């Protein structure tokens, strides 16, 4: 599947998040559950879309206090240098970081109507987008502003576990 098509399908899919009324942290715990559940499968665009979709109604993992020690993933991580197992672990740690950082921000901050102007958590992470819909749209804006419509985006591409991490990390911080 072409990346532009994948992104359009993902945007349509996450627009339905409001009907499920899932708090941000809970959605990411469900997303982590789905990643772990599907870890043995080959990563395709359809698998990634299914993981994001199933996370609306899925079980969720329990929070682990050890996640508080995970640092924010670096931007522009070169997935080409990682094995599939390393990509998977990187993505799981990205989700664990998101979950623990949202806990650090707390309900009061997450319910602040002005949070979209940007917040910095106690871990030093910058947040502009919090729910999966805003994050996906932030990722889309980042992609459009960074590369426009490129030949690379219009061609078939290879998907990896790091695609989830890229969407989350760039999407949460893109104004």
N, C-alpha and C. Protein backbone atom coordinates (compact mmCIF):
# COMPACT_ATOMS: atom_id res chain seq x y z
N UNK A 1 0.85 -1.17 0.00
CA UNK A 1 0.00 0.00 0.00
C UNK A 1 0.90 1.23 0.00
N UNK A 2 0.54 2.21 -0.78
CA UNK A 2 1.28 3.47 -0.81
C UNK A 2 1.12 4.17 0.53
N UNK A 3 2.17 4.88 0.95
CA UNK A 3 2.14 5.52 2.27
C UNK A 3 1.05 6.58 2.35
N UNK A 4 0.84 7.33 1.27
CA UNK A 4 -0.22 8.35 1.28
C UNK A 4 -1.58 7.69 1.52
N UNK A 5 -1.81 6.53 0.91
CA UNK A 5 -3.07 5.81 1.09
C UNK A 5 -3.20 5.31 2.53
N UNK A 6 -2.09 4.79 3.06
CA UNK A 6 -2.09 4.32 4.45
C UNK A 6 -2.45 5.47 5.39
N UNK A 7 -1.82 6.62 5.20
CA UNK A 7 -2.07 7.76 6.07
C UNK A 7 -3.51 8.24 5.97
N UNK A 8 -4.07 8.26 4.77
CA UNK A 8 -5.47 8.67 4.61
C UNK A 8 -6.41 7.70 5.33
N UNK A 9 -6.14 6.41 5.20
CA UNK A 9 -6.97 5.41 5.90
C UNK A 9 -6.84 5.55 7.41
N UNK A 10 -5.62 5.81 7.88
CA UNK A 10 -5.41 5.98 9.32
C UNK A 10 -6.15 7.22 9.83
N UNK A 11 -6.12 8.30 9.08
CA UNK A 11 -6.84 9.52 9.50
C UNK A 11 -8.35 9.26 9.59
N UNK A 12 -8.89 8.54 8.64
CA UNK A 12 -10.31 8.21 8.68
C UNK A 12 -10.62 7.34 9.89
N UNK A 13 -9.77 6.37 10.14
CA UNK A 13 -9.96 5.44 11.24
C UNK A 13 -9.97 6.15 12.60
N UNK A 14 -9.01 7.04 12.84
CA UNK A 14 -8.90 7.66 14.16
C UNK A 14 -9.93 8.77 14.38
N UNK A 15 -10.60 9.22 13.34
CA UNK A 15 -11.64 10.22 13.53
C UNK A 15 -12.78 9.67 14.40
N UNK A 16 -12.90 8.35 14.46
CA UNK A 16 -13.95 7.74 15.26
C UNK A 16 -13.62 7.59 16.72
N UNK A 17 -12.47 8.08 17.15
CA UNK A 17 -12.05 7.89 18.54
C UNK A 17 -13.03 8.53 19.52
N UNK A 18 -13.63 9.63 19.16
CA UNK A 18 -14.53 10.33 20.08
C UNK A 18 -15.72 9.48 20.48
N UNK A 19 -16.19 8.64 19.57
CA UNK A 19 -17.35 7.82 19.90
C UNK A 19 -17.04 6.78 20.97
N UNK A 20 -15.76 6.45 21.15
CA UNK A 20 -15.37 5.48 22.17
C UNK A 20 -15.06 6.14 23.50
N UNK A 21 -14.82 7.45 23.51
CA UNK A 21 -14.56 8.21 24.72
C UNK A 21 -13.50 7.54 25.60
N UNK A 22 -12.34 7.28 25.01
CA UNK A 22 -11.25 6.61 25.71
C UNK A 22 -10.22 7.65 26.14
N UNK A 23 -9.90 7.69 27.43
CA UNK A 23 -8.83 8.61 27.85
C UNK A 23 -7.52 8.28 27.13
N UNK A 24 -6.69 9.30 26.94
CA UNK A 24 -5.46 9.15 26.17
C UNK A 24 -4.60 8.00 26.65
N UNK A 25 -4.30 7.99 27.94
CA UNK A 25 -3.42 6.96 28.47
C UNK A 25 -3.99 5.56 28.22
N UNK A 26 -5.27 5.41 28.41
CA UNK A 26 -5.89 4.10 28.21
C UNK A 26 -5.77 3.65 26.75
N UNK A 27 -5.97 4.57 25.82
CA UNK A 27 -5.83 4.20 24.41
C UNK A 27 -4.41 3.67 24.14
N UNK A 28 -3.39 4.34 24.69
CA UNK A 28 -2.02 3.90 24.45
C UNK A 28 -1.72 2.58 25.14
N UNK A 29 -2.36 2.31 26.28
CA UNK A 29 -2.20 1.00 26.91
C UNK A 29 -2.86 -0.08 26.05
N UNK A 30 -3.96 0.24 25.41
CA UNK A 30 -4.62 -0.69 24.49
C UNK A 30 -3.78 -0.89 23.22
N UNK A 31 -3.18 0.19 22.75
CA UNK A 31 -2.31 0.10 21.58
C UNK A 31 -1.10 -0.79 21.88
N UNK A 32 -0.54 -0.64 23.06
CA UNK A 32 0.57 -1.50 23.47
C UNK A 32 0.13 -2.96 23.53
N UNK A 33 -1.05 -3.21 24.05
CA UNK A 33 -1.58 -4.57 24.09
C UNK A 33 -1.66 -5.15 22.68
N UNK A 34 -2.16 -4.37 21.73
CA UNK A 34 -2.30 -4.83 20.35
C UNK A 34 -0.94 -5.07 19.70
N UNK A 35 0.02 -4.22 19.97
CA UNK A 35 1.37 -4.42 19.43
C UNK A 35 1.93 -5.73 19.96
N UNK A 36 1.80 -5.95 21.27
CA UNK A 36 2.30 -7.19 21.85
C UNK A 36 1.56 -8.41 21.31
N UNK A 37 0.27 -8.28 21.12
CA UNK A 37 -0.55 -9.38 20.60
C UNK A 37 -0.14 -9.77 19.18
N UNK A 38 0.26 -8.79 18.39
CA UNK A 38 0.59 -9.00 16.98
C UNK A 38 2.08 -9.06 16.71
N UNK A 39 2.89 -9.17 17.74
CA UNK A 39 4.34 -9.08 17.61
C UNK A 39 4.95 -10.12 16.66
N UNK A 40 4.34 -11.27 16.54
CA UNK A 40 4.91 -12.34 15.71
C UNK A 40 4.54 -12.21 14.23
N UNK A 41 3.68 -11.27 13.91
CA UNK A 41 3.22 -11.12 12.53
C UNK A 41 4.16 -10.23 11.72
N UNK A 42 4.13 -10.41 10.42
CA UNK A 42 4.87 -9.52 9.51
C UNK A 42 4.15 -8.18 9.47
N UNK A 43 4.92 -7.12 9.54
CA UNK A 43 4.34 -5.78 9.57
C UNK A 43 3.97 -5.37 8.15
N UNK A 44 2.70 -5.03 7.98
CA UNK A 44 2.17 -4.52 6.72
C UNK A 44 1.32 -3.29 7.05
N UNK A 45 0.95 -2.56 6.03
CA UNK A 45 0.06 -1.42 6.23
C UNK A 45 -1.26 -1.89 6.84
N UNK A 46 -1.79 -3.00 6.34
CA UNK A 46 -3.06 -3.51 6.85
C UNK A 46 -2.96 -3.93 8.31
N UNK A 47 -1.83 -4.52 8.71
CA UNK A 47 -1.65 -4.89 10.11
C UNK A 47 -1.60 -3.64 10.98
N UNK A 48 -0.86 -2.63 10.56
CA UNK A 48 -0.77 -1.41 11.36
C UNK A 48 -2.14 -0.75 11.50
N UNK A 49 -2.90 -0.69 10.42
CA UNK A 49 -4.25 -0.11 10.49
C UNK A 49 -5.13 -0.93 11.44
N UNK A 50 -5.03 -2.24 11.37
CA UNK A 50 -5.82 -3.10 12.26
C UNK A 50 -5.43 -2.88 13.72
N UNK A 51 -4.15 -2.73 13.98
CA UNK A 51 -3.69 -2.49 15.35
C UNK A 51 -4.26 -1.19 15.89
N UNK A 52 -4.18 -0.12 15.11
CA UNK A 52 -4.76 1.15 15.56
C UNK A 52 -6.26 1.03 15.78
N UNK A 53 -6.95 0.33 14.88
CA UNK A 53 -8.40 0.18 14.98
C UNK A 53 -8.80 -0.68 16.17
N UNK A 54 -8.16 -1.83 16.33
CA UNK A 54 -8.51 -2.74 17.42
C UNK A 54 -8.22 -2.12 18.78
N UNK A 55 -7.36 -1.14 18.82
CA UNK A 55 -7.01 -0.50 20.09
C UNK A 55 -8.17 0.30 20.69
N UNK A 56 -9.17 0.58 19.91
CA UNK A 56 -10.34 1.29 20.45
C UNK A 56 -11.16 0.39 21.37
N UNK A 57 -11.19 -0.90 21.09
CA UNK A 57 -12.06 -1.81 21.84
C UNK A 57 -11.29 -2.94 22.53
N UNK A 58 -10.01 -2.90 22.46
CA UNK A 58 -9.14 -3.94 22.97
C UNK A 58 -9.04 -3.94 24.50
N UNK A 59 -8.45 -5.02 24.99
CA UNK A 59 -7.99 -5.02 26.37
C UNK A 59 -6.82 -4.05 26.43
N UNK A 60 -6.39 -3.74 27.64
CA UNK A 60 -5.21 -2.88 27.79
C UNK A 60 -4.22 -3.55 28.72
N UNK A 61 -2.98 -3.15 28.60
CA UNK A 61 -1.96 -3.66 29.52
C UNK A 61 -2.05 -2.86 30.81
N UNK A 62 -1.57 -3.45 31.88
CA UNK A 62 -1.51 -2.76 33.16
C UNK A 62 -0.26 -1.89 33.19
N UNK A 63 -0.37 -0.76 33.85
CA UNK A 63 0.77 0.14 33.99
C UNK A 63 1.83 -0.50 34.87
N UNK A 64 3.07 -0.30 34.50
CA UNK A 64 4.21 -0.81 35.26
C UNK A 64 5.06 0.39 35.69
N UNK A 65 5.30 0.54 36.98
CA UNK A 65 6.07 1.67 37.50
C UNK A 65 7.46 1.77 36.87
N UNK A 66 8.02 0.65 36.41
CA UNK A 66 9.34 0.65 35.77
C UNK A 66 9.36 1.49 34.50
N UNK A 67 8.19 1.71 33.89
CA UNK A 67 8.11 2.51 32.68
C UNK A 67 8.52 3.96 32.93
N UNK A 68 8.43 4.40 34.18
CA UNK A 68 8.79 5.78 34.50
C UNK A 68 10.26 6.08 34.23
N UNK A 69 11.07 5.05 34.10
CA UNK A 69 12.49 5.26 33.85
C UNK A 69 12.84 5.28 32.36
N UNK A 70 11.86 5.05 31.51
CA UNK A 70 12.10 5.05 30.06
C UNK A 70 12.18 6.49 29.57
N UNK A 71 13.20 6.77 28.79
CA UNK A 71 13.39 8.11 28.26
C UNK A 71 12.63 8.28 26.95
N UNK A 72 12.34 9.53 26.64
CA UNK A 72 11.64 9.83 25.39
C UNK A 72 12.46 9.34 24.21
N UNK A 73 11.83 8.67 23.26
CA UNK A 73 12.56 8.18 22.09
C UNK A 73 13.14 9.34 21.27
N UNK A 74 14.29 9.10 20.70
CA UNK A 74 14.94 10.11 19.88
C UNK A 74 14.19 10.30 18.57
N UNK A 75 14.19 11.52 18.09
CA UNK A 75 13.62 11.81 16.78
C UNK A 75 14.56 11.26 15.72
N UNK A 76 14.00 10.91 14.60
CA UNK A 76 14.77 10.45 13.44
C UNK A 76 15.63 9.22 13.75
N UNK A 77 15.06 8.27 14.45
CA UNK A 77 15.75 7.01 14.70
C UNK A 77 15.81 6.23 13.39
N UNK A 78 16.97 5.70 13.07
CA UNK A 78 17.17 4.99 11.81
C UNK A 78 16.75 3.53 11.96
N UNK A 79 15.52 3.23 11.59
CA UNK A 79 15.00 1.87 11.71
C UNK A 79 15.72 0.91 10.78
N UNK A 80 16.32 1.41 9.73
CA UNK A 80 17.04 0.54 8.79
C UNK A 80 18.22 -0.16 9.46
N UNK A 81 18.70 0.41 10.55
CA UNK A 81 19.82 -0.17 11.28
C UNK A 81 19.37 -1.15 12.37
N UNK A 82 18.05 -1.35 12.50
CA UNK A 82 17.51 -2.20 13.55
C UNK A 82 17.00 -3.52 12.99
N UNK A 83 17.07 -4.54 13.81
CA UNK A 83 16.42 -5.80 13.47
C UNK A 83 14.93 -5.66 13.76
N UNK A 84 14.13 -6.57 13.29
CA UNK A 84 12.70 -6.55 13.55
C UNK A 84 12.43 -6.57 15.06
N UNK A 85 13.20 -7.37 15.77
CA UNK A 85 13.04 -7.47 17.24
C UNK A 85 13.37 -6.13 17.90
N UNK A 86 14.43 -5.46 17.44
CA UNK A 86 14.79 -4.15 17.99
C UNK A 86 13.74 -3.10 17.67
N UNK A 87 13.18 -3.14 16.46
CA UNK A 87 12.10 -2.21 16.09
C UNK A 87 10.90 -2.40 17.00
N UNK A 88 10.55 -3.66 17.23
CA UNK A 88 9.40 -3.97 18.08
C UNK A 88 9.64 -3.44 19.50
N UNK A 89 10.81 -3.70 20.05
CA UNK A 89 11.12 -3.24 21.40
C UNK A 89 11.14 -1.71 21.47
N UNK A 90 11.68 -1.07 20.44
CA UNK A 90 11.70 0.39 20.38
C UNK A 90 10.27 0.94 20.41
N UNK A 91 9.39 0.33 19.63
CA UNK A 91 8.00 0.78 19.58
C UNK A 91 7.29 0.54 20.91
N UNK A 92 7.53 -0.60 21.52
CA UNK A 92 6.91 -0.87 22.83
C UNK A 92 7.41 0.14 23.87
N UNK A 93 8.70 0.46 23.82
CA UNK A 93 9.22 1.46 24.76
C UNK A 93 8.68 2.85 24.47
N UNK A 94 8.44 3.16 23.22
CA UNK A 94 7.80 4.44 22.89
C UNK A 94 6.42 4.51 23.52
N UNK A 95 5.66 3.45 23.38
CA UNK A 95 4.32 3.42 23.98
C UNK A 95 4.39 3.48 25.51
N UNK A 96 5.32 2.77 26.08
CA UNK A 96 5.49 2.80 27.54
C UNK A 96 5.84 4.22 28.01
N UNK A 97 6.71 4.89 27.25
CA UNK A 97 7.05 6.27 27.58
C UNK A 97 5.80 7.15 27.51
N UNK A 98 5.03 7.02 26.45
CA UNK A 98 3.81 7.82 26.30
C UNK A 98 2.89 7.62 27.50
N UNK A 99 2.68 6.38 27.87
CA UNK A 99 1.78 6.06 28.98
C UNK A 99 2.28 6.69 30.28
N UNK A 100 3.56 6.50 30.58
CA UNK A 100 4.09 7.04 31.83
C UNK A 100 4.14 8.57 31.80
N UNK A 101 4.44 9.16 30.65
CA UNK A 101 4.51 10.62 30.57
C UNK A 101 3.11 11.24 30.70
N UNK A 102 2.12 10.60 30.14
CA UNK A 102 0.75 11.10 30.30
C UNK A 102 0.34 11.03 31.78
N UNK A 103 0.78 9.99 32.47
CA UNK A 103 0.51 9.91 33.91
C UNK A 103 1.20 11.05 34.66
N UNK A 104 2.42 11.36 34.25
CA UNK A 104 3.14 12.47 34.90
C UNK A 104 2.41 13.79 34.67
N UNK A 105 1.83 13.96 33.50
CA UNK A 105 1.10 15.20 33.22
C UNK A 105 -0.15 15.31 34.08
N UNK A 106 -0.83 14.20 34.33
CA UNK A 106 -1.97 14.18 35.22
C UNK A 106 -3.26 14.67 34.58
N UNK A 107 -4.36 14.29 35.20
CA UNK A 107 -5.70 14.61 34.68
C UNK A 107 -5.95 16.11 34.58
N UNK A 108 -5.50 16.87 35.57
CA UNK A 108 -5.76 18.31 35.54
C UNK A 108 -5.16 18.95 34.29
N UNK A 109 -3.94 18.59 33.99
CA UNK A 109 -3.27 19.14 32.81
C UNK A 109 -3.94 18.63 31.53
N UNK A 110 -4.28 17.36 31.52
CA UNK A 110 -4.87 16.77 30.32
C UNK A 110 -6.27 17.31 30.03
N UNK A 111 -6.91 17.87 31.03
CA UNK A 111 -8.25 18.45 30.82
C UNK A 111 -8.19 19.96 30.61
N UNK A 112 -7.00 20.53 30.63
CA UNK A 112 -6.83 21.96 30.41
C UNK A 112 -7.20 22.29 28.97
N UNK A 113 -8.16 23.19 28.76
CA UNK A 113 -8.57 23.52 27.39
C UNK A 113 -7.47 24.21 26.57
N UNK A 114 -6.43 24.68 27.21
CA UNK A 114 -5.35 25.38 26.51
C UNK A 114 -4.12 24.49 26.29
N UNK A 115 -4.25 23.22 26.57
CA UNK A 115 -3.10 22.32 26.47
C UNK A 115 -2.53 22.24 25.06
N UNK A 116 -3.33 22.49 24.04
CA UNK A 116 -2.88 22.44 22.66
C UNK A 116 -1.84 23.51 22.32
N UNK A 117 -1.68 24.50 23.22
CA UNK A 117 -0.64 25.51 23.02
C UNK A 117 0.73 24.97 23.41
N UNK A 118 0.72 23.78 23.99
CA UNK A 118 1.98 23.11 24.32
C UNK A 118 2.22 23.00 25.80
N UNK A 119 2.72 21.84 26.18
CA UNK A 119 3.08 21.56 27.56
C UNK A 119 4.42 20.84 27.56
N UNK A 120 5.14 21.01 28.63
CA UNK A 120 6.37 20.25 28.83
C UNK A 120 6.17 19.43 30.10
N UNK A 121 6.35 18.13 29.97
CA UNK A 121 6.17 17.25 31.12
C UNK A 121 7.41 17.31 32.01
N UNK A 122 7.32 16.69 33.17
CA UNK A 122 8.46 16.67 34.09
C UNK A 122 9.64 15.91 33.52
N UNK A 123 9.40 15.08 32.50
CA UNK A 123 10.49 14.36 31.84
C UNK A 123 11.20 15.24 30.81
N UNK A 124 10.62 16.41 30.53
CA UNK A 124 11.18 17.32 29.53
C UNK A 124 10.57 17.16 28.15
N UNK A 125 9.63 16.24 28.00
CA UNK A 125 8.99 16.00 26.71
C UNK A 125 8.00 17.12 26.40
N UNK A 126 8.04 17.57 25.15
CA UNK A 126 7.10 18.60 24.67
C UNK A 126 5.87 17.90 24.09
N UNK A 127 4.71 18.37 24.47
CA UNK A 127 3.44 17.83 23.99
C UNK A 127 2.60 18.97 23.42
N UNK A 128 2.10 18.77 22.21
CA UNK A 128 1.12 19.68 21.63
C UNK A 128 -0.16 18.92 21.30
N UNK A 129 -0.02 17.65 21.04
CA UNK A 129 -1.16 16.79 20.71
C UNK A 129 -1.15 15.61 21.68
N UNK A 130 -2.35 15.20 22.12
CA UNK A 130 -2.43 14.21 23.18
C UNK A 130 -3.23 12.97 22.79
N UNK A 131 -4.36 13.17 22.15
CA UNK A 131 -5.18 12.02 21.77
C UNK A 131 -4.73 11.51 20.40
N UNK A 132 -5.11 10.28 20.09
CA UNK A 132 -4.61 9.63 18.87
C UNK A 132 -5.03 10.38 17.61
N UNK A 133 -6.19 10.99 17.61
CA UNK A 133 -6.63 11.73 16.43
C UNK A 133 -5.72 12.93 16.18
N UNK A 134 -5.47 13.73 17.22
CA UNK A 134 -4.59 14.89 17.08
C UNK A 134 -3.17 14.48 16.69
N UNK A 135 -2.72 13.37 17.27
CA UNK A 135 -1.37 12.90 16.98
C UNK A 135 -1.24 12.49 15.52
N UNK A 136 -2.21 11.75 15.00
CA UNK A 136 -2.17 11.33 13.60
C UNK A 136 -2.22 12.54 12.68
N UNK A 137 -3.06 13.51 13.02
CA UNK A 137 -3.12 14.71 12.19
C UNK A 137 -1.85 15.54 12.32
N UNK A 138 -1.22 15.54 13.48
CA UNK A 138 0.07 16.20 13.65
C UNK A 138 1.13 15.53 12.79
N UNK A 139 1.11 14.20 12.76
CA UNK A 139 2.05 13.44 11.91
C UNK A 139 1.82 13.78 10.44
N UNK A 140 0.55 13.84 10.04
CA UNK A 140 0.23 14.18 8.65
C UNK A 140 0.77 15.57 8.31
N UNK A 141 0.58 16.53 9.20
CA UNK A 141 1.09 17.89 8.95
C UNK A 141 2.60 17.90 8.87
N UNK A 142 3.25 17.15 9.77
CA UNK A 142 4.71 17.06 9.74
C UNK A 142 5.18 16.51 8.39
N UNK A 143 4.54 15.44 7.94
CA UNK A 143 4.93 14.83 6.66
C UNK A 143 4.73 15.79 5.50
N UNK A 144 3.61 16.47 5.49
CA UNK A 144 3.33 17.41 4.41
C UNK A 144 4.27 18.60 4.42
N UNK A 145 4.58 19.11 5.62
CA UNK A 145 5.48 20.26 5.72
C UNK A 145 6.93 19.87 5.45
N UNK A 146 7.28 18.62 5.78
CA UNK A 146 8.67 18.19 5.62
C UNK A 146 9.01 17.83 4.18
N UNK A 147 8.05 17.17 3.52
CA UNK A 147 8.41 16.66 2.21
C UNK A 147 7.41 17.00 1.11
N UNK A 148 6.29 17.52 1.50
CA UNK A 148 5.25 17.73 0.49
C UNK A 148 4.83 16.40 -0.08
N UNK A 149 4.30 16.39 -1.25
CA UNK A 149 3.96 15.14 -1.90
C UNK A 149 5.17 14.70 -2.68
N UNK A 150 5.83 13.70 -2.17
CA UNK A 150 7.06 13.24 -2.81
C UNK A 150 6.82 11.95 -3.56
N UNK A 151 7.70 11.66 -4.47
CA UNK A 151 7.62 10.40 -5.21
C UNK A 151 7.74 9.24 -4.25
N UNK A 152 8.55 9.40 -3.19
CA UNK A 152 8.72 8.34 -2.21
C UNK A 152 7.41 8.01 -1.53
N UNK A 153 6.64 9.04 -1.16
CA UNK A 153 5.37 8.81 -0.48
C UNK A 153 4.33 8.20 -1.39
N UNK A 154 4.44 8.40 -2.68
CA UNK A 154 3.43 7.89 -3.59
C UNK A 154 3.72 6.47 -4.04
N UNK A 155 4.93 5.97 -3.79
CA UNK A 155 5.28 4.61 -4.17
C UNK A 155 4.93 3.62 -3.06
N UNK A 156 4.88 2.34 -3.45
CA UNK A 156 4.71 1.30 -2.45
C UNK A 156 5.87 1.40 -1.47
N UNK A 157 5.64 1.10 -0.21
CA UNK A 157 6.74 1.18 0.74
C UNK A 157 6.72 -0.01 1.68
N UNK A 158 7.80 -0.16 2.38
CA UNK A 158 7.93 -1.23 3.35
C UNK A 158 7.59 -0.65 4.71
N UNK A 159 6.77 -1.37 5.46
CA UNK A 159 6.33 -0.90 6.77
C UNK A 159 7.11 -1.62 7.85
N UNK A 160 7.25 -0.94 8.99
CA UNK A 160 7.98 -1.53 10.11
C UNK A 160 7.29 -1.14 11.41
N UNK A 161 7.72 -1.79 12.49
CA UNK A 161 7.17 -1.43 13.80
C UNK A 161 7.47 0.02 14.13
N UNK A 162 8.56 0.53 13.62
CA UNK A 162 8.95 1.92 13.91
C UNK A 162 7.98 2.94 13.32
N UNK A 163 7.14 2.53 12.38
CA UNK A 163 6.15 3.46 11.85
C UNK A 163 5.22 3.93 12.95
N UNK A 164 4.86 3.04 13.86
CA UNK A 164 4.00 3.44 14.98
C UNK A 164 4.72 4.48 15.83
N UNK A 165 5.98 4.22 16.16
CA UNK A 165 6.76 5.18 16.96
C UNK A 165 6.88 6.52 16.27
N UNK A 166 7.17 6.52 14.97
CA UNK A 166 7.30 7.77 14.23
C UNK A 166 6.01 8.58 14.29
N UNK A 167 4.90 7.93 14.04
CA UNK A 167 3.61 8.62 14.07
C UNK A 167 3.39 9.25 15.44
N UNK A 168 3.65 8.50 16.50
CA UNK A 168 3.41 9.00 17.86
C UNK A 168 4.36 10.12 18.24
N UNK A 169 5.65 9.90 18.05
CA UNK A 169 6.64 10.87 18.53
C UNK A 169 6.54 12.19 17.76
N UNK A 170 6.49 12.10 16.44
CA UNK A 170 6.41 13.34 15.66
C UNK A 170 5.03 13.96 15.79
N UNK A 171 4.00 13.13 15.87
CA UNK A 171 2.63 13.65 15.95
C UNK A 171 2.34 14.38 17.25
N UNK A 172 2.89 13.92 18.36
CA UNK A 172 2.63 14.58 19.64
C UNK A 172 3.31 15.93 19.75
N UNK A 173 4.41 16.09 19.04
CA UNK A 173 5.18 17.31 19.18
C UNK A 173 5.05 18.29 18.05
N UNK A 174 4.22 17.96 17.06
CA UNK A 174 4.13 18.86 15.91
C UNK A 174 3.00 19.87 16.13
N UNK A 175 3.35 21.14 16.07
CA UNK A 175 2.38 22.21 16.33
C UNK A 175 1.43 22.40 15.16
